[in-house]
Amino acid sequence: MSGLCEGRVVIVTGAGRGLGRAHALAFAGQGARVVVNDLGVGVDGQGVPQGLGSARPGEAPMAGPAQSVVDEIQAAGGEAVAHGGDIATTEGAASLIATALDAFGALHTLVNNAGFLRDRMLVNLEEDDWDAVMRVHLKGHFLPLKHAAAYWRAEAKAGREVAARVVNTSSGAGLLGSVGQGNYSAAKAGIVGLTLVAAAEMGRYGVQVNAIAPAARTRMTEGTFAEAMAAPGKPGAFDAMAPDNVSPLVVWLGSAASEGVTGRVFEAEAGRITVMEGWRPGPTSDKGARWTPREAGEAALKLLAEAETPGVVYGSR
């Protein structure tokens, strides 16, 4: 295996299935040595973590989805190790980075992908479901990023060249909103904010940070959007929703070839790549003094008439 990421060490979280698995295989196919992280729980984050223990006392530990992906990579001639820790804890995130350093002696790219869903309309959304989704998506991005960034900063301060890359995973739900996914949408929007801050803070140490908003068929989408995510019925037809379609952009962003690209958000779906353009000033009005509430309302309505129409929230029509 040789290619765009020859010699690079790459971590992919949530890589036992779906998009993460596709990313891990794609990086390995381009010559990277890969740390495959997956806790091995259900699509809602519940269940017995596989690979960290057994379902019943006395049973042998389960191999888990992370090890299955490692086996695939090794069978194809690549190098990979499994990590089954919870990356939304300080201990799990620290051990994730340590696994890369112990196994391969370096770390060049971190792909934050792990996550799950607990969809409810807001009036039915329990606090525990809010907290669980925020934890896996936001803390699960922040903690691995924090520990990887500390390693890269130390490398830079020691005078060693750093060409590090971070690829975070947002969503169209985070950019536009999605009915029934208030917790998920808020978490994914937060990941965009984290990406922008990390790109600004870590650039001086040779670290580039970007985010993707992918659309693909995974355990998280094939039930909720069954019709849109369905595989084509015709043999040989382009499978637009296959997760493998997203991975080429992720591999490029995670490689040294993406030099100079940082603080950006890309949509990736099927054969389409889009640079997303976020909040920026639109029409404005300045009175030069304090508005009355009535004046402020009249000004706001005039400005809204000049402004672009917002994107439609997913599921609202």
C-alpha atoms as a PDB file:
ATOM      1  CA  MET A   1       0.000   0.000   0.000  1.00  0.00           C
ATOM      2  CA  SER A   2       1.482   3.328  -1.059  1.00  0.00           C
ATOM      3  CA  GLY A   3       0.024   6.656  -2.023  1.00  0.00           C
ATOM      4  CA  LEU A   4      -0.944  10.117  -0.837  1.00  0.00           C
ATOM      5  CA  CYS A   5      -0.494   9.306   2.874  1.00  0.00           C
ATOM      6  CA  GLU A   6       2.619   7.148   2.676  1.00  0.00           C
ATOM      7  CA  GLY A   7       4.409   7.286   6.039  1.00  0.00           C
ATOM      8  CA  ARG A   8       1.624   9.123   7.872  1.00  0.00           C
ATOM      9  CA  VAL A   9       0.026   7.850  11.079  1.00  0.00           C
ATOM     10  CA  VAL A  10      -3.724   8.430  11.172  1.00  0.00           C
ATOM     11  CA  ILE A  11      -6.329   8.042  13.919  1.00  0.00           C
ATOM     12  CA  VAL A  12      -9.980   7.593  12.947  1.00  0.00           C
ATOM     13  CA  THR A  13     -12.583   7.544  15.725  1.00  0.00           C
ATOM     14  CA  GLY A  14     -15.819   5.623  15.342  1.00  0.00           C
ATOM     15  CA  ALA A  15     -14.114   3.635  12.608  1.00  0.00           C
ATOM     16  CA  GLY A  16     -15.700   0.243  13.166  1.00  0.00           C
ATOM     17  CA  ARG A  17     -18.560   0.838  10.746  1.00  0.00           C
ATOM     18  CA  GLY A  18     -20.011   3.293   8.234  1.00  0.00           C
ATOM     19  CA  LEU A  19     -18.105   6.451   7.385  1.00  0.00           C
ATOM     20  CA  GLY A  20     -15.314   5.796   9.897  1.00  0.00           C
ATOM     21  CA  ARG A  21     -14.629   2.349   8.485  1.00  0.00           C
ATOM     22  CA  ALA A  22     -14.583   3.774   4.945  1.00  0.00           C
ATOM     23  CA  HIS A  23     -12.136   6.490   6.038  1.00  0.00           C
ATOM     24  CA  ALA A  24      -9.816   4.010   7.778  1.00  0.00           C
ATOM     25  CA  LEU A  25      -9.709   1.712   4.750  1.00  0.00           C
ATOM     26  CA  ALA A  26      -9.152   4.652   2.394  1.00  0.00           C
ATOM     27  CA  PHE A  27      -6.256   6.016   4.457  1.00  0.00           C
ATOM     28  CA  ALA A  28      -4.670   2.564   4.614  1.00  0.00           C
ATOM     29  CA  GLY A  29      -5.120   2.268   0.865  1.00  0.00           C
ATOM     30  CA  GLN A  30      -3.064   5.438   0.488  1.00  0.00           C
ATOM     31  CA  GLY A  31      -0.205   4.128   2.625  1.00  0.00           C
ATOM     32  CA  ALA A  32      -1.139   5.394   6.092  1.00  0.00           C
ATOM     33  CA  ARG A  33      -0.722   3.398   9.273  1.00  0.00           C
ATOM     34  CA  VAL A  34      -4.081   3.593  11.008  1.00  0.00           C
ATOM     35  CA  VAL A  35      -5.386   3.536  14.575  1.00  0.00           C
ATOM     36  CA  VAL A  36      -8.963   2.286  14.342  1.00  0.00           C
ATOM     37  CA  ASN A  37     -11.050   3.471  17.291  1.00  0.00           C
ATOM     38  CA  ASP A  38     -14.532   2.167  18.051  1.00  0.00           C
ATOM     39  CA  LEU A  39     -16.321   1.537  21.322  1.00  0.00           C
ATOM     40  CA  GLY A  40     -18.601  -1.000  19.668  1.00  0.00           C
ATOM     41  CA  VAL A  41     -21.956   0.172  21.031  1.00  0.00           C
ATOM     42  CA  GLY A  42     -25.352   0.539  19.380  1.00  0.00           C
ATOM     43  CA  VAL A  43     -26.533   3.322  17.085  1.00  0.00           C
ATOM     44  CA  ASP A  44     -27.944   5.121  20.155  1.00  0.00           C
ATOM     45  CA  GLY A  45     -24.710   4.693  22.137  1.00  0.00           C
ATOM     46  CA  GLN A  46     -26.144   1.961  24.320  1.00  0.00           C
ATOM     47  CA  GLY A  47     -25.234  -1.697  24.741  1.00  0.00           C
ATOM     48  CA  VAL A  48     -22.166  -3.578  25.939  1.00  0.00           C
ATOM     49  CA  PRO A  49     -18.957  -2.035  24.574  1.00  0.00           C
ATOM     50  CA  GLN A  50     -17.361  -4.696  22.393  1.00  0.00           C
ATOM     51  CA  GLY A  51     -13.643  -5.305  22.629  1.00  0.00           C
ATOM     52  CA  LEU A  52     -13.478  -3.890  26.186  1.00  0.00           C
ATOM     53  CA  GLY A  53     -15.035  -6.833  27.944  1.00  0.00           C
ATOM     54  CA  SER A  54     -17.549  -9.595  27.556  1.00  0.00           C
ATOM     55  CA  ALA A  55     -21.317  -9.659  27.728  1.00  0.00           C
ATOM     56  CA  ARG A  56     -21.242 -12.188  30.600  1.00  0.00           C
ATOM     57  CA  PRO A  57     -18.676 -13.033  33.308  1.00  0.00           C
ATOM     58  CA  GLY A  58     -16.297 -15.762  32.227  1.00  0.00           C
ATOM     59  CA  GLU A  59     -16.756 -15.200  28.482  1.00  0.00           C
ATOM     60  CA  ALA A  60     -13.829 -14.233  26.299  1.00  0.00           C
ATOM     61  CA  PRO A  61     -13.677 -10.537  25.307  1.00  0.00           C
ATOM     62  CA  MET A  62     -15.416  -9.743  22.032  1.00  0.00           C
ATOM     63  CA  ALA A  63     -13.198  -8.706  19.138  1.00  0.00           C
ATOM     64  CA  GLY A  64     -15.461  -5.796  18.258  1.00  0.00           C
ATOM     65  CA  PRO A  65     -15.851  -3.787  15.067  1.00  0.00           C
ATOM     66  CA  ALA A  66     -12.524  -1.941  15.450  1.00  0.00           C
ATOM     67  CA  GLN A  67     -10.563  -5.180  15.315  1.00  0.00           C
ATOM     68  CA  SER A  68     -12.593  -6.333  12.307  1.00  0.00           C
ATOM     69  CA  VAL A  69     -11.487  -3.236  10.369  1.00  0.00           C
ATOM     70  CA  VAL A  70      -7.886  -3.763  11.490  1.00  0.00           C
ATOM     71  CA  ASP A  71      -8.107  -7.312  10.153  1.00  0.00           C
ATOM     72  CA  GLU A  72      -9.360  -5.980   6.798  1.00  0.00           C
ATOM     73  CA  ILE A  73      -6.487  -3.510   6.552  1.00  0.00           C
ATOM     74  CA  GLN A  74      -3.878  -6.097   7.497  1.00  0.00           C
ATOM     75  CA  ALA A  75      -5.316  -8.636   5.058  1.00  0.00           C
ATOM     76  CA  ALA A  76      -4.789  -6.062   2.295  1.00  0.00           C
ATOM     77  CA  GLY A  77      -1.151  -5.565   3.328  1.00  0.00           C
ATOM     78  CA  GLY A  78      -1.563  -2.452   5.474  1.00  0.00           C
ATOM     79  CA  GLU A  79      -0.689  -1.606   9.066  1.00  0.00           C
ATOM     80  CA  ALA A  80      -3.317  -0.879  11.705  1.00  0.00           C
ATOM     81  CA  VAL A  81      -4.090  -1.302  15.403  1.00  0.00           C
ATOM     82  CA  ALA A  82      -7.406  -1.241  17.250  1.00  0.00           C
ATOM     83  CA  HIS A  83      -8.387   1.053  20.116  1.00  0.00           C
ATOM     84  CA  GLY A  84     -11.594   0.328  22.014  1.00  0.00           C
ATOM     85  CA  GLY A  85     -11.552   3.188  24.521  1.00  0.00           C
ATOM     86  CA  ASP A  86     -14.204   5.833  25.151  1.00  0.00           C
ATOM     87  CA  ILE A  87     -12.786   8.964  23.524  1.00  0.00           C
ATOM     88  CA  ALA A  88     -15.324  11.176  25.334  1.00  0.00           C
ATOM     89  CA  THR A  89     -13.316  10.640  28.544  1.00  0.00           C
ATOM     90  CA  THR A  90      -9.935  12.147  29.368  1.00  0.00           C
ATOM     91  CA  GLU A  91      -8.460   8.689  29.940  1.00  0.00           C
ATOM     92  CA  GLY A  92      -9.836   7.288  26.684  1.00  0.00           C
ATOM     93  CA  ALA A  93      -8.706  10.256  24.600  1.00  0.00           C
ATOM     94  CA  ALA A  94      -5.223  10.249  26.143  1.00  0.00           C
ATOM     95  CA  SER A  95      -4.865   6.503  25.559  1.00  0.00           C
ATOM     96  CA  LEU A  96      -5.975   6.987  21.938  1.00  0.00           C
ATOM     97  CA  ILE A  97      -3.051   9.315  21.231  1.00  0.00           C
ATOM     98  CA  ALA A  98      -0.728   7.078  23.260  1.00  0.00           C
ATOM     99  CA  THR A  99      -1.782   4.082  21.165  1.00  0.00           C
ATOM    100  CA  ALA A 100      -0.661   5.831  17.975  1.00  0.00           C
ATOM    101  CA  LEU A 101       2.655   6.854  19.505  1.00  0.00           C
ATOM    102  CA  ASP A 102       3.331   3.449  21.068  1.00  0.00           C
ATOM    103  CA  ALA A 103       2.402   1.487  17.945  1.00  0.00           C
ATOM    104  CA  PHE A 104       3.847   3.716  15.234  1.00  0.00           C
ATOM    105  CA  GLY A 105       6.027   6.340  16.944  1.00  0.00           C
ATOM    106  CA  ALA A 106       4.180   9.378  15.601  1.00  0.00           C
ATOM    107  CA  LEU A 107       0.817  10.986  14.843  1.00  0.00           C
ATOM    108  CA  HIS A 108       0.077  13.098  11.780  1.00  0.00           C
ATOM    109  CA  THR A 109      -3.692  13.078  11.280  1.00  0.00           C
ATOM    110  CA  LEU A 110      -6.738  12.880  13.536  1.00  0.00           C
ATOM    111  CA  VAL A 111     -10.174  12.218  12.050  1.00  0.00           C
ATOM    112  CA  ASN A 112     -12.925  12.838  14.595  1.00  0.00           C
ATOM    113  CA  ASN A 113     -15.906  10.822  13.390  1.00  0.00           C
ATOM    114  CA  ALA A 114     -17.459   8.973  16.351  1.00  0.00           C
ATOM    115  CA  GLY A 115     -21.071   9.704  17.193  1.00  0.00           C
ATOM    116  CA  PHE A 116     -24.587   8.384  17.627  1.00  0.00           C
ATOM    117  CA  LEU A 117     -28.212   9.533  17.531  1.00  0.00           C
ATOM    118  CA  ARG A 118     -31.042   9.843  20.038  1.00  0.00           C
ATOM    119  CA  ASP A 119     -33.675  11.585  17.957  1.00  0.00           C
ATOM    120  CA  ARG A 120     -36.745  13.169  19.545  1.00  0.00           C
ATOM    121  CA  MET A 121     -38.896  16.222  18.960  1.00  0.00           C
ATOM    122  CA  LEU A 122     -37.846  18.908  21.461  1.00  0.00           C
ATOM    123  CA  VAL A 123     -40.908  18.515  23.696  1.00  0.00           C
ATOM    124  CA  ASN A 124     -40.123  14.793  24.028  1.00  0.00           C
ATOM    125  CA  LEU A 125     -36.341  15.078  24.303  1.00  0.00           C
ATOM    126  CA  GLU A 126     -35.067  13.885  27.675  1.00  0.00           C
ATOM    127  CA  GLU A 127     -32.169  15.612  29.395  1.00  0.00           C
ATOM    128  CA  ASP A 128     -30.159  12.364  29.382  1.00  0.00           C
ATOM    129  CA  ASP A 129     -30.568  12.094  25.601  1.00  0.00           C
ATOM    130  CA  TRP A 130     -29.425  15.691  25.190  1.00  0.00           C
ATOM    131  CA  ASP A 131     -26.385  15.112  27.411  1.00  0.00           C
ATOM    132  CA  ALA A 132     -25.426  11.810  25.783  1.00  0.00           C
ATOM    133  CA  VAL A 133     -25.421  13.238  22.249  1.00  0.00           C
ATOM    134  CA  MET A 134     -23.539  16.368  23.321  1.00  0.00           C
ATOM    135  CA  ARG A 135     -21.017  14.192  25.104  1.00  0.00           C
ATOM    136  CA  VAL A 136     -20.165  11.849  22.244  1.00  0.00           C
ATOM    137  CA  HIS A 137     -20.102  14.512  19.525  1.00  0.00           C
ATOM    138  CA  LEU A 138     -18.692  17.588  21.263  1.00  0.00           C
ATOM    139  CA  LYS A 139     -16.548  16.064  24.023  1.00  0.00           C
ATOM    140  CA  GLY A 140     -15.685  13.244  21.635  1.00  0.00           C
ATOM    141  CA  HIS A 141     -14.211  15.847  19.288  1.00  0.00           C
ATOM    142  CA  PHE A 142     -12.694  18.143  21.905  1.00  0.00           C
ATOM    143  CA  LEU A 143     -10.768  15.617  24.003  1.00  0.00           C
ATOM    144  CA  PRO A 144      -8.907  13.760  21.214  1.00  0.00           C
ATOM    145  CA  LEU A 145      -8.178  17.136  19.596  1.00  0.00           C
ATOM    146  CA  LYS A 146      -6.858  18.520  22.887  1.00  0.00           C
ATOM    147  CA  HIS A 147      -4.486  15.604  23.473  1.00  0.00           C
ATOM    148  CA  ALA A 148      -3.319  15.464  19.849  1.00  0.00           C
ATOM    149  CA  ALA A 149      -2.759  19.233  19.842  1.00  0.00           C
ATOM    150  CA  ALA A 150      -0.646  19.006  22.993  1.00  0.00           C
ATOM    151  CA  TYR A 151       1.580  16.431  21.285  1.00  0.00           C
ATOM    152  CA  TRP A 152       1.936  18.539  18.120  1.00  0.00           C
ATOM    153  CA  ARG A 153       2.659  21.704  20.091  1.00  0.00           C
ATOM    154  CA  ALA A 154       5.403  19.902  22.003  1.00  0.00           C
ATOM    155  CA  GLU A 155       6.856  18.632  18.726  1.00  0.00           C
ATOM    156  CA  ALA A 156       6.858  22.145  17.246  1.00  0.00           C
ATOM    157  CA  LYS A 157       8.439  23.662  20.359  1.00  0.00           C
ATOM    158  CA  ALA A 158      11.145  20.983  20.225  1.00  0.00           C
ATOM    159  CA  GLY A 159      12.034  22.242  16.741  1.00  0.00           C
ATOM    160  CA  ARG A 160      10.623  19.296  14.830  1.00  0.00           C
ATOM    161  CA  GLU A 161       8.621  19.967  11.686  1.00  0.00           C
ATOM    162  CA  VAL A 162       4.880  19.414  12.081  1.00  0.00           C
ATOM    163  CA  ALA A 163       2.479  18.950   9.172  1.00  0.00           C
ATOM    164  CA  ALA A 164      -0.515  17.778  11.167  1.00  0.00           C
ATOM    165  CA  ARG A 165      -4.127  17.565  10.039  1.00  0.00           C
ATOM    166  CA  VAL A 166      -7.460  17.317  11.852  1.00  0.00           C
ATOM    167  CA  VAL A 167     -10.708  16.497  10.065  1.00  0.00           C
ATOM    168  CA  ASN A 168     -13.821  17.008  12.189  1.00  0.00           C
ATOM    169  CA  THR A 169     -17.269  15.696  11.308  1.00  0.00           C
ATOM    170  CA  SER A 170     -20.196  18.097  11.326  1.00  0.00           C
ATOM    171  CA  SER A 171     -23.455  17.564   9.421  1.00  0.00           C
ATOM    172  CA  GLY A 172     -26.024  19.302   7.275  1.00  0.00           C
ATOM    173  CA  ALA A 173     -28.136  19.123  10.442  1.00  0.00           C
ATOM    174  CA  GLY A 174     -25.558  21.333  12.158  1.00  0.00           C
ATOM    175  CA  LEU A 175     -25.476  23.820   9.276  1.00  0.00           C
ATOM    176  CA  LEU A 176     -29.215  24.079   8.578  1.00  0.00           C
ATOM    177  CA  GLY A 177     -30.979  22.264  11.424  1.00  0.00           C
ATOM    178  CA  SER A 178     -33.030  19.065  11.258  1.00  0.00           C
ATOM    179  CA  VAL A 179     -36.516  18.478  12.666  1.00  0.00           C
ATOM    180  CA  GLY A 180     -36.461  15.878  15.438  1.00  0.00           C
ATOM    181  CA  GLN A 181     -32.702  16.263  15.909  1.00  0.00           C
ATOM    182  CA  GLY A 182     -32.327  19.274  18.199  1.00  0.00           C
ATOM    183  CA  ASN A 183     -29.552  17.654  20.248  1.00  0.00           C
ATOM    184  CA  TYR A 184     -27.673  16.341  17.214  1.00  0.00           C
ATOM    185  CA  SER A 185     -28.032  19.615  15.265  1.00  0.00           C
ATOM    186  CA  ALA A 186     -26.775  21.673  18.197  1.00  0.00           C
ATOM    187  CA  ALA A 187     -23.805  19.348  18.724  1.00  0.00           C
ATOM    188  CA  LYS A 188     -22.863  19.362  15.043  1.00  0.00           C
ATOM    189  CA  ALA A 189     -23.120  23.172  14.908  1.00  0.00           C
ATOM    190  CA  GLY A 190     -20.823  23.295  17.924  1.00  0.00           C
ATOM    191  CA  ILE A 191     -18.266  21.195  16.062  1.00  0.00           C
ATOM    192  CA  VAL A 192     -18.065  23.883  13.372  1.00  0.00           C
ATOM    193  CA  GLY A 193     -17.302  26.500  16.031  1.00  0.00           C
ATOM    194  CA  LEU A 194     -14.670  24.241  17.587  1.00  0.00           C
ATOM    195  CA  THR A 195     -13.101  23.706  14.152  1.00  0.00           C
ATOM    196  CA  LEU A 196     -12.746  27.440  13.524  1.00  0.00           C
ATOM    197  CA  VAL A 197     -11.166  28.085  16.931  1.00  0.00           C
ATOM    198  CA  ALA A 198      -8.780  25.132  16.665  1.00  0.00           C
ATOM    199  CA  ALA A 199      -7.673  26.207  13.177  1.00  0.00           C
ATOM    200  CA  ALA A 200      -6.903  29.703  14.459  1.00  0.00           C
ATOM    201  CA  GLU A 201      -5.100  28.534  17.595  1.00  0.00           C
ATOM    202  CA  MET A 202      -3.092  25.642  16.191  1.00  0.00           C
ATOM    203  CA  GLY A 203      -1.895  27.063  12.871  1.00  0.00           C
ATOM    204  CA  ARG A 204       1.285  28.401  14.468  1.00  0.00           C
ATOM    205  CA  TYR A 205       2.288  24.835  15.357  1.00  0.00           C
ATOM    206  CA  GLY A 206       1.805  23.424  11.859  1.00  0.00           C
ATOM    207  CA  VAL A 207      -1.698  22.020  12.465  1.00  0.00           C
ATOM    208  CA  GLN A 208      -4.537  22.451   9.959  1.00  0.00           C
ATOM    209  CA  VAL A 209      -8.120  21.849  11.105  1.00  0.00           C
ATOM    210  CA  ASN A 210     -11.114  21.438   8.795  1.00  0.00           C
ATOM    211  CA  ALA A 211     -14.577  19.903   8.978  1.00  0.00           C
ATOM    212  CA  ILE A 212     -16.798  17.922   6.672  1.00  0.00           C
ATOM    213  CA  ALA A 213     -20.590  17.692   6.555  1.00  0.00           C
ATOM    214  CA  PRO A 214     -21.109  14.300   4.912  1.00  0.00           C
ATOM    215  CA  ALA A 215     -24.211  12.588   3.601  1.00  0.00           C
ATOM    216  CA  ALA A 216     -23.980   8.821   3.263  1.00  0.00           C
ATOM    217  CA  ARG A 217     -25.689   5.559   4.128  1.00  0.00           C
ATOM    218  CA  THR A 218     -24.759   4.551   7.670  1.00  0.00           C
ATOM    219  CA  ARG A 219     -26.485   3.019  10.689  1.00  0.00           C
ATOM    220  CA  MET A 220     -27.448   6.569  11.686  1.00  0.00           C
ATOM    221  CA  THR A 221     -29.107   7.503   8.383  1.00  0.00           C
ATOM    222  CA  GLU A 222     -30.420   4.338   6.740  1.00  0.00           C
ATOM    223  CA  GLY A 223     -33.385   4.145   9.102  1.00  0.00           C
ATOM    224  CA  THR A 224     -34.242   7.845   9.348  1.00  0.00           C
ATOM    225  CA  PHE A 225     -33.817   8.549   5.628  1.00  0.00           C
ATOM    226  CA  ALA A 226     -34.401   5.057   4.273  1.00  0.00           C
ATOM    227  CA  GLU A 227     -35.612   6.050   0.807  1.00  0.00           C
ATOM    228  CA  ALA A 228     -32.927   8.680   0.171  1.00  0.00           C
ATOM    229  CA  MET A 229     -30.153   6.402   1.452  1.00  0.00           C
ATOM    230  CA  ALA A 230     -31.172   3.218  -0.370  1.00  0.00           C
ATOM    231  CA  ALA A 231     -28.599   1.440  -2.525  1.00  0.00           C
ATOM    232  CA  PRO A 232     -29.339   1.410  -6.264  1.00  0.00           C
ATOM    233  CA  GLY A 233     -31.389  -1.513  -7.529  1.00  0.00           C
ATOM    234  CA  LYS A 234     -29.402  -1.835 -10.755  1.00  0.00           C
ATOM    235  CA  PRO A 235     -26.185  -3.875 -10.652  1.00  0.00           C
ATOM    236  CA  GLY A 236     -23.174  -1.715 -11.476  1.00  0.00           C
ATOM    237  CA  ALA A 237     -25.023   1.592 -10.966  1.00  0.00           C
ATOM    238  CA  PHE A 238     -23.252   4.358  -9.042  1.00  0.00           C
ATOM    239  CA  ASP A 239     -24.116   3.982  -5.351  1.00  0.00           C
ATOM    240  CA  ALA A 240     -24.441   7.665  -4.543  1.00  0.00           C
ATOM    241  CA  MET A 241     -24.961   7.165  -0.815  1.00  0.00           C
ATOM    242  CA  ALA A 242     -22.089   4.729  -0.206  1.00  0.00           C
ATOM    243  CA  PRO A 243     -19.865   6.066   2.613  1.00  0.00           C
ATOM    244  CA  ASP A 244     -16.799   5.379   0.460  1.00  0.00           C
ATOM    245  CA  ASN A 245     -17.732   8.419  -1.657  1.00  0.00           C
ATOM    246  CA  VAL A 246     -16.938  10.780   1.228  1.00  0.00           C
ATOM    247  CA  SER A 247     -13.547   9.312   2.132  1.00  0.00           C
ATOM    248  CA  PRO A 248     -11.416  10.638  -0.777  1.00  0.00           C
ATOM    249  CA  LEU A 249     -11.921  14.234   0.418  1.00  0.00           C
ATOM    250  CA  VAL A 250     -11.162  13.208   4.013  1.00  0.00           C
ATOM    251  CA  VAL A 251      -7.957  11.471   2.910  1.00  0.00           C
ATOM    252  CA  TRP A 252      -6.838  14.537   0.968  1.00  0.00           C
ATOM    253  CA  LEU A 253      -7.607  16.856   3.895  1.00  0.00           C
ATOM    254  CA  GLY A 254      -5.668  14.477   6.145  1.00  0.00           C
ATOM    255  CA  SER A 255      -2.626  14.432   3.874  1.00  0.00           C
ATOM    256  CA  ALA A 256       0.300  16.814   3.430  1.00  0.00           C
ATOM    257  CA  ALA A 257      -1.122  17.632  -0.027  1.00  0.00           C
ATOM    258  CA  SER A 258      -3.786  19.871   1.580  1.00  0.00           C
ATOM    259  CA  GLU A 259      -1.156  22.407   2.662  1.00  0.00           C
ATOM    260  CA  GLY A 260      -2.728  25.838   3.247  1.00  0.00           C
ATOM    261  CA  VAL A 261      -6.311  24.629   3.656  1.00  0.00           C
ATOM    262  CA  THR A 262      -7.601  25.245   7.185  1.00  0.00           C
ATOM    263  CA  GLY A 263     -10.665  26.538   8.999  1.00  0.00           C
ATOM    264  CA  ARG A 264     -12.975  25.341   6.217  1.00  0.00           C
ATOM    265  CA  VAL A 265     -16.180  23.295   6.106  1.00  0.00           C
ATOM    266  CA  PHE A 266     -16.935  21.032   3.141  1.00  0.00           C
ATOM    267  CA  GLU A 267     -20.104  19.183   2.242  1.00  0.00           C
ATOM    268  CA  ALA A 268     -19.420  15.797   0.682  1.00  0.00           C
ATOM    269  CA  GLU A 269     -22.115  13.629  -0.838  1.00  0.00           C
ATOM    270  CA  ALA A 270     -22.073  11.140  -3.711  1.00  0.00           C
ATOM    271  CA  GLY A 271     -19.833  12.720  -6.373  1.00  0.00           C
ATOM    272  CA  ARG A 272     -20.312  16.287  -5.106  1.00  0.00           C
ATOM    273  CA  ILE A 273     -17.975  18.436  -2.990  1.00  0.00           C
ATOM    274  CA  THR A 274     -19.125  21.881  -1.797  1.00  0.00           C
ATOM    275  CA  VAL A 275     -17.259  24.552   0.145  1.00  0.00           C
ATOM    276  CA  MET A 276     -19.741  25.797   2.735  1.00  0.00           C
ATOM    277  CA  GLU A 277     -19.841  29.518   3.447  1.00  0.00           C
ATOM    278  CA  GLY A 278     -21.064  30.299   6.945  1.00  0.00           C
ATOM    279  CA  TRP A 279     -22.239  33.319   8.872  1.00  0.00           C
ATOM    280  CA  ARG A 280     -20.992  36.627   7.522  1.00  0.00           C
ATOM    281  CA  PRO A 281     -22.427  40.170   7.597  1.00  0.00           C
ATOM    282  CA  GLY A 282     -25.363  40.718   5.260  1.00  0.00           C
ATOM    283  CA  PRO A 283     -27.536  43.835   4.852  1.00  0.00           C
ATOM    284  CA  THR A 284     -26.998  46.333   7.663  1.00  0.00           C
ATOM    285  CA  SER A 285     -28.403  49.647   8.856  1.00  0.00           C
ATOM    286  CA  ASP A 286     -26.773  52.058  11.307  1.00  0.00           C
ATOM    287  CA  LYS A 287     -28.829  54.888  12.827  1.00  0.00           C
ATOM    288  CA  GLY A 288     -25.859  56.305  14.702  1.00  0.00           C
ATOM    289  CA  ALA A 289     -27.983  56.437  17.852  1.00  0.00           C
ATOM    290  CA  ARG A 290     -30.200  54.145  19.918  1.00  0.00           C
ATOM    291  CA  TRP A 291     -33.231  52.686  18.143  1.00  0.00           C
ATOM    292  CA  THR A 292     -36.687  52.577  19.630  1.00  0.00           C
ATOM    293  CA  PRO A 293     -38.210  49.076  19.547  1.00  0.00           C
ATOM    294  CA  ARG A 294     -40.595  50.132  16.766  1.00  0.00           C
ATOM    295  CA  GLU A 295     -37.768  51.658  14.718  1.00  0.00           C
ATOM    296  CA  ALA A 296     -35.600  48.570  15.264  1.00  0.00           C
ATOM    297  CA  GLY A 297     -38.416  46.366  14.020  1.00  0.00           C
ATOM    298  CA  GLU A 298     -39.001  48.490  10.920  1.00  0.00           C
ATOM    299  CA  ALA A 299     -35.260  48.466  10.147  1.00  0.00           C
ATOM    300  CA  ALA A 300     -35.051  44.719  10.661  1.00  0.00           C
ATOM    301  CA  LEU A 301     -37.940  44.069   8.259  1.00  0.00           C
ATOM    302  CA  LYS A 302     -36.309  46.225   5.570  1.00  0.00           C
ATOM    303  CA  LEU A 303     -32.997  44.393   6.020  1.00  0.00           C
ATOM    304  CA  LEU A 304     -34.700  40.991   5.866  1.00  0.00           C
ATOM    305  CA  ALA A 305     -36.287  41.987   2.565  1.00  0.00           C
ATOM    306  CA  GLU A 306     -32.779  42.560   1.165  1.00  0.00           C
ATOM    307  CA  ALA A 307     -31.200  39.443   2.719  1.00  0.00           C
ATOM    308  CA  GLU A 308     -30.771  36.001   1.183  1.00  0.00           C
ATOM    309  CA  THR A 309     -33.392  33.411   2.110  1.00  0.00           C
ATOM    310  CA  PRO A 310     -32.020  30.913   4.664  1.00  0.00           C
ATOM    311  CA  GLY A 311     -31.650  27.248   3.719  1.00  0.00           C
ATOM    312  CA  VAL A 312     -34.601  25.023   4.571  1.00  0.00           C
ATOM    313  CA  VAL A 313     -34.372  23.043   7.804  1.00  0.00           C
ATOM    314  CA  TYR A 314     -34.219  19.315   7.023  1.00  0.00           C
ATOM    315  CA  GLY A 315     -37.578  17.619   7.566  1.00  0.00           C
ATOM    316  CA  SER A 316     -39.607  20.838   7.631  1.00  0.00           C
ATOM    317  CA  ARG A 317     -41.256  20.243   4.265  1.00  0.00           C
END
